[in-house]
Amino acid sequence: MNFDKIRKNCRVIRIVVGLALIITGVVTGNAWFYLGVLPLVAGLTNFCPLCIITKKCSLK
């Protein structure tokens, strides 16, 4: 797997996934989708706990 491409787009992917989950939660009324706040905040702050744990991403 090419992790260089993932690293370049990681922040954008987290923001998009977070927004998609939140929008799905609003539309369906299912509160579990509000957990999309976690990847959204991770993307906006450029902090990824999964990258730190796996050491696959290099955040600067």
PDB file of N, CA and C in Angstrom:
ATOM      1  N   MET A   1       0.852  -1.176   0.000  1.00  0.00           N
ATOM      2  CA  MET A   1       0.000   0.000   0.000  1.00  0.00           C
ATOM      3  C   MET A   1       0.892   1.230   0.000  1.00  0.00           C
ATOM      4  N   ASN A   2       0.501   2.230  -0.760  1.00  0.00           N
ATOM      5  CA  ASN A   2       1.293   3.442  -0.886  1.00  0.00           C
ATOM      6  C   ASN A   2       0.842   4.463   0.161  1.00  0.00           C
ATOM      7  N   PHE A   3       1.591   4.536   1.247  1.00  0.00           N
ATOM      8  CA  PHE A   3       1.215   5.421   2.352  1.00  0.00           C
ATOM      9  C   PHE A   3       1.524   6.881   2.065  1.00  0.00           C
ATOM     10  N   ASP A   4       2.375   7.165   1.065  1.00  0.00           N
ATOM     11  CA  ASP A   4       2.679   8.561   0.757  1.00  0.00           C
ATOM     12  C   ASP A   4       1.444   9.306   0.261  1.00  0.00           C
ATOM     13  N   LYS A   5       0.648   8.656  -0.580  1.00  0.00           N
ATOM     14  CA  LYS A   5      -0.574   9.297  -1.068  1.00  0.00           C
ATOM     15  C   LYS A   5      -1.578   9.478   0.059  1.00  0.00           C
ATOM     16  N   ILE A   6      -1.635   8.513   0.958  1.00  0.00           N
ATOM     17  CA  ILE A   6      -2.562   8.608   2.091  1.00  0.00           C
ATOM     18  C   ILE A   6      -2.143   9.754   2.999  1.00  0.00           C
ATOM     19  N   ARG A   7      -0.850   9.902   3.246  1.00  0.00           N
ATOM     20  CA  ARG A   7      -0.372  10.989   4.112  1.00  0.00           C
ATOM     21  C   ARG A   7      -0.718  12.351   3.550  1.00  0.00           C
ATOM     22  N   LYS A   8      -0.615  12.503   2.229  1.00  0.00           N
ATOM     23  CA  LYS A   8      -0.889  13.795   1.608  1.00  0.00           C
ATOM     24  C   LYS A   8      -2.357  14.170   1.726  1.00  0.00           C
ATOM     25  N   ASN A   9      -3.226  13.190   1.672  1.00  0.00           N
ATOM     26  CA  ASN A   9      -4.660  13.449   1.663  1.00  0.00           C
ATOM     27  C   ASN A   9      -5.342  13.108   2.979  1.00  0.00           C
ATOM     28  N   CYS A  10      -4.597  12.723   3.979  1.00  0.00           N
ATOM     29  CA  CYS A  10      -5.154  12.248   5.244  1.00  0.00           C
ATOM     30  C   CYS A  10      -6.041  13.299   5.908  1.00  0.00           C
ATOM     31  N   ARG A  11      -5.599  14.515   5.947  1.00  0.00           N
ATOM     32  CA  ARG A  11      -6.360  15.567   6.613  1.00  0.00           C
ATOM     33  C   ARG A  11      -7.679  15.830   5.889  1.00  0.00           C
ATOM     34  N   VAL A  12      -7.622  15.894   4.576  1.00  0.00           N
ATOM     35  CA  VAL A  12      -8.825  16.137   3.785  1.00  0.00           C
ATOM     36  C   VAL A  12      -9.805  14.976   3.939  1.00  0.00           C
ATOM     37  N   ILE A  13      -9.295  13.757   3.937  1.00  0.00           N
ATOM     38  CA  ILE A  13     -10.145  12.578   4.083  1.00  0.00           C
ATOM     39  C   ILE A  13     -10.850  12.592   5.433  1.00  0.00           C
ATOM     40  N   ARG A  14     -10.125  12.950   6.500  1.00  0.00           N
ATOM     41  CA  ARG A  14     -10.742  12.994   7.833  1.00  0.00           C
ATOM     42  C   ARG A  14     -11.847  14.035   7.903  1.00  0.00           C
ATOM     43  N   ILE A  15     -11.627  15.199   7.293  1.00  0.00           N
ATOM     44  CA  ILE A  15     -12.639  16.260   7.299  1.00  0.00           C
ATOM     45  C   ILE A  15     -13.874  15.825   6.516  1.00  0.00           C
ATOM     46  N   VAL A  16     -13.673  15.245   5.333  1.00  0.00           N
ATOM     47  CA  VAL A  16     -14.797  14.814   4.503  1.00  0.00           C
ATOM     48  C   VAL A  16     -15.591  13.705   5.189  1.00  0.00           C
ATOM     49  N   VAL A  17     -14.901  12.737   5.763  1.00  0.00           N
ATOM     50  CA  VAL A  17     -15.583  11.637   6.459  1.00  0.00           C
ATOM     51  C   VAL A  17     -16.359  12.168   7.660  1.00  0.00           C
ATOM     52  N   GLY A  18     -15.749  13.069   8.407  1.00  0.00           N
ATOM     53  CA  GLY A  18     -16.432  13.652   9.561  1.00  0.00           C
ATOM     54  C   GLY A  18     -17.693  14.397   9.173  1.00  0.00           C
ATOM     55  N   LEU A  19     -17.591  15.219   8.129  1.00  0.00           N
ATOM     56  CA  LEU A  19     -18.779  15.959   7.671  1.00  0.00           C
ATOM     57  C   LEU A  19     -19.845  15.016   7.132  1.00  0.00           C
ATOM     58  N   ALA A  20     -19.435  13.985   6.407  1.00  0.00           N
ATOM     59  CA  ALA A  20     -20.405  13.024   5.866  1.00  0.00           C
ATOM     60  C   ALA A  20     -21.142  12.305   6.990  1.00  0.00           C
ATOM     61  N   LEU A  21     -20.434  11.921   8.029  1.00  0.00           N
ATOM     62  CA  LEU A  21     -21.080  11.242   9.149  1.00  0.00           C
ATOM     63  C   LEU A  21     -22.047  12.165   9.886  1.00  0.00           C
ATOM     64  N   ILE A  22     -21.652  13.397  10.086  1.00  0.00           N
ATOM     65  CA  ILE A  22     -22.520  14.353  10.776  1.00  0.00           C
ATOM     66  C   ILE A  22     -23.778  14.633   9.954  1.00  0.00           C
ATOM     67  N   ILE A  23     -23.621  14.822   8.656  1.00  0.00           N
ATOM     68  CA  ILE A  23     -24.770  15.081   7.788  1.00  0.00           C
ATOM     69  C   ILE A  23     -25.703  13.875   7.772  1.00  0.00           C
ATOM     70  N   THR A  24     -25.127  12.680   7.732  1.00  0.00           N
ATOM     71  CA  THR A  24     -25.947  11.466   7.777  1.00  0.00           C
ATOM     72  C   THR A  24     -26.720  11.394   9.089  1.00  0.00           C
ATOM     73  N   GLY A  25     -26.087  11.770  10.176  1.00  0.00           N
ATOM     74  CA  GLY A  25     -26.763  11.777  11.467  1.00  0.00           C
ATOM     75  C   GLY A  25     -27.913  12.770  11.530  1.00  0.00           C
ATOM     76  N   VAL A  26     -27.721  13.935  10.912  1.00  0.00           N
ATOM     77  CA  VAL A  26     -28.780  14.943  10.897  1.00  0.00           C
ATOM     78  C   VAL A  26     -29.952  14.465  10.043  1.00  0.00           C
ATOM     79  N   VAL A  27     -29.641  13.893   8.883  1.00  0.00           N
ATOM     80  CA  VAL A  27     -30.702  13.455   7.969  1.00  0.00           C
ATOM     81  C   VAL A  27     -31.480  12.271   8.532  1.00  0.00           C
ATOM     82  N   THR A  28     -30.767  11.279   9.085  1.00  0.00           N
ATOM     83  CA  THR A  28     -31.437  10.072   9.563  1.00  0.00           C
ATOM     84  C   THR A  28     -31.948  10.200  10.995  1.00  0.00           C
ATOM     85  N   GLY A  29     -31.409  11.122  11.744  1.00  0.00           N
ATOM     86  CA  GLY A  29     -31.811  11.284  13.139  1.00  0.00           C
ATOM     87  C   GLY A  29     -31.129  10.291  14.059  1.00  0.00           C
ATOM     88  N   ASN A  30     -30.173   9.548  13.548  1.00  0.00           N
ATOM     89  CA  ASN A  30     -29.443   8.562  14.339  1.00  0.00           C
ATOM     90  C   ASN A  30     -28.262   9.254  15.026  1.00  0.00           C
ATOM     91  N   ALA A  31     -28.267   9.274  16.344  1.00  0.00           N
ATOM     92  CA  ALA A  31     -27.252  10.003  17.109  1.00  0.00           C
ATOM     93  C   ALA A  31     -25.865   9.399  16.988  1.00  0.00           C
ATOM     94  N   TRP A  32     -25.746   8.131  16.617  1.00  0.00           N
ATOM     95  CA  TRP A  32     -24.423   7.505  16.501  1.00  0.00           C
ATOM     96  C   TRP A  32     -23.567   8.170  15.433  1.00  0.00           C
ATOM     97  N   PHE A  33     -24.192   8.736  14.426  1.00  0.00           N
ATOM     98  CA  PHE A  33     -23.426   9.364  13.356  1.00  0.00           C
ATOM     99  C   PHE A  33     -22.789  10.677  13.805  1.00  0.00           C
ATOM    100  N   TYR A  34     -23.203  11.199  14.948  1.00  0.00           N
ATOM    101  CA  TYR A  34     -22.577  12.413  15.451  1.00  0.00           C
ATOM    102  C   TYR A  34     -21.146  12.155  15.940  1.00  0.00           C
ATOM    103  N   LEU A  35     -20.752  10.901  15.971  1.00  0.00           N
ATOM    104  CA  LEU A  35     -19.350  10.589  16.258  1.00  0.00           C
ATOM    105  C   LEU A  35     -18.440  11.080  15.137  1.00  0.00           C
ATOM    106  N   GLY A  36     -19.019  11.541  14.053  1.00  0.00           N
ATOM    107  CA  GLY A  36     -18.258  12.156  12.974  1.00  0.00           C
ATOM    108  C   GLY A  36     -17.522  13.408  13.426  1.00  0.00           C
ATOM    109  N   VAL A  37     -17.877  13.911  14.602  1.00  0.00           N
ATOM    110  CA  VAL A  37     -17.169  15.064  15.158  1.00  0.00           C
ATOM    111  C   VAL A  37     -15.698  14.702  15.412  1.00  0.00           C
ATOM    112  N   LEU A  38     -15.440  13.461  15.772  1.00  0.00           N
ATOM    113  CA  LEU A  38     -14.056  13.048  16.071  1.00  0.00           C
ATOM    114  C   LEU A  38     -13.136  13.164  14.857  1.00  0.00           C
ATOM    115  N   PRO A  39     -13.465  12.556  13.701  1.00  0.00           N
ATOM    116  CA  PRO A  39     -12.562  12.751  12.564  1.00  0.00           C
ATOM    117  C   PRO A  39     -12.559  14.189  12.052  1.00  0.00           C
ATOM    118  N   LEU A  40     -13.670  14.900  12.215  1.00  0.00           N
ATOM    119  CA  LEU A  40     -13.710  16.299  11.786  1.00  0.00           C
ATOM    120  C   LEU A  40     -12.734  17.139  12.598  1.00  0.00           C
ATOM    121  N   VAL A  41     -12.766  17.004  13.906  1.00  0.00           N
ATOM    122  CA  VAL A  41     -11.837  17.750  14.767  1.00  0.00           C
ATOM    123  C   VAL A  41     -10.399  17.315  14.501  1.00  0.00           C
ATOM    124  N   ALA A  42     -10.193  16.011  14.295  1.00  0.00           N
ATOM    125  CA  ALA A  42      -8.842  15.518  13.995  1.00  0.00           C
ATOM    126  C   ALA A  42      -8.323  16.126  12.700  1.00  0.00           C
ATOM    127  N   GLY A  43      -9.197  16.276  11.713  1.00  0.00           N
ATOM    128  CA  GLY A  43      -8.777  16.871  10.454  1.00  0.00           C
ATOM    129  C   GLY A  43      -8.526  18.359  10.562  1.00  0.00           C
ATOM    130  N   LEU A  44      -9.378  19.047  11.296  1.00  0.00           N
ATOM    131  CA  LEU A  44      -9.217  20.499  11.430  1.00  0.00           C
ATOM    132  C   LEU A  44      -7.996  20.877  12.255  1.00  0.00           C
ATOM    133  N   THR A  45      -7.663  20.070  13.246  1.00  0.00           N
ATOM    134  CA  THR A  45      -6.515  20.377  14.096  1.00  0.00           C
ATOM    135  C   THR A  45      -5.233  19.704  13.625  1.00  0.00           C
ATOM    136  N   ASN A  46      -5.355  18.864  12.583  1.00  0.00           N
ATOM    137  CA  ASN A  46      -4.229  18.105  12.050  1.00  0.00           C
ATOM    138  C   ASN A  46      -3.588  17.216  13.115  1.00  0.00           C
ATOM    139  N   PHE A  47      -4.427  16.640  13.949  1.00  0.00           N
ATOM    140  CA  PHE A  47      -3.993  15.704  14.980  1.00  0.00           C
ATOM    141  C   PHE A  47      -4.683  14.380  14.724  1.00  0.00           C
ATOM    142  N   CYS A  48      -3.914  13.330  14.523  1.00  0.00           N
ATOM    143  CA  CYS A  48      -4.494  12.029  14.221  1.00  0.00           C
ATOM    144  C   CYS A  48      -3.963  10.998  15.216  1.00  0.00           C
ATOM    145  N   PRO A  49      -4.786  10.592  16.177  1.00  0.00           N
ATOM    146  CA  PRO A  49      -4.332   9.605  17.149  1.00  0.00           C
ATOM    147  C   PRO A  49      -3.952   8.273  16.496  1.00  0.00           C
ATOM    148  N   LEU A  50      -4.664   7.892  15.447  1.00  0.00           N
ATOM    149  CA  LEU A  50      -4.359   6.633  14.771  1.00  0.00           C
ATOM    150  C   LEU A  50      -2.981   6.678  14.119  1.00  0.00           C
ATOM    151  N   CYS A  51      -2.612   7.809  13.562  1.00  0.00           N
ATOM    152  CA  CYS A  51      -1.284   7.953  12.948  1.00  0.00           C
ATOM    153  C   CYS A  51      -0.183   7.847  14.006  1.00  0.00           C
ATOM    154  N   ILE A  52      -0.429   8.375  15.166  1.00  0.00           N
ATOM    155  CA  ILE A  52       0.561   8.322  16.235  1.00  0.00           C
ATOM    156  C   ILE A  52       0.704   6.898  16.758  1.00  0.00           C
ATOM    157  N   ILE A  53      -0.417   6.202  16.907  1.00  0.00           N
ATOM    158  CA  ILE A  53      -0.377   4.830  17.422  1.00  0.00           C
ATOM    159  C   ILE A  53       0.283   3.878  16.437  1.00  0.00           C
ATOM    160  N   THR A  54      -0.087   3.968  15.155  1.00  0.00           N
ATOM    161  CA  THR A  54       0.437   3.040  14.147  1.00  0.00           C
ATOM    162  C   THR A  54       1.787   3.451  13.595  1.00  0.00           C
ATOM    163  N   LYS A  55       2.137   4.730  13.764  1.00  0.00           N
ATOM    164  CA  LYS A  55       3.378   5.291  13.242  1.00  0.00           C
ATOM    165  C   LYS A  55       3.493   5.128  11.724  1.00  0.00           C
ATOM    166  N   LYS A  56       2.344   5.107  11.037  1.00  0.00           N
ATOM    167  CA  LYS A  56       2.316   4.995   9.582  1.00  0.00           C
ATOM    168  C   LYS A  56       2.316   6.370   8.931  1.00  0.00           C
ATOM    169  N   CYS A  57       1.825   7.371   9.619  1.00  0.00           N
ATOM    170  CA  CYS A  57       1.775   8.726   9.090  1.00  0.00           C
ATOM    171  C   CYS A  57       2.831   9.569   9.789  1.00  0.00           C
ATOM    172  N   SER A  58       3.302  10.540   9.093  1.00  0.00           N
ATOM    173  CA  SER A  58       4.261  11.446   9.723  1.00  0.00           C
ATOM    174  C   SER A  58       3.651  12.840   9.730  1.00  0.00           C
ATOM    175  N   LEU A  59       3.085  13.223  10.843  1.00  0.00           N
ATOM    176  CA  LEU A  59       2.508  14.542  10.991  1.00  0.00           C
ATOM    177  C   LEU A  59       3.577  15.501  11.481  1.00  0.00           C
ATOM    178  N   LYS A  60       3.613  16.664  10.860  1.00  0.00           N
ATOM    179  CA  LYS A  60       4.618  17.647  11.248  1.00  0.00           C
ATOM    180  C   LYS A  60       3.998  18.751  12.042  1.00  0.00           C
TER     181      LYS A  60
END
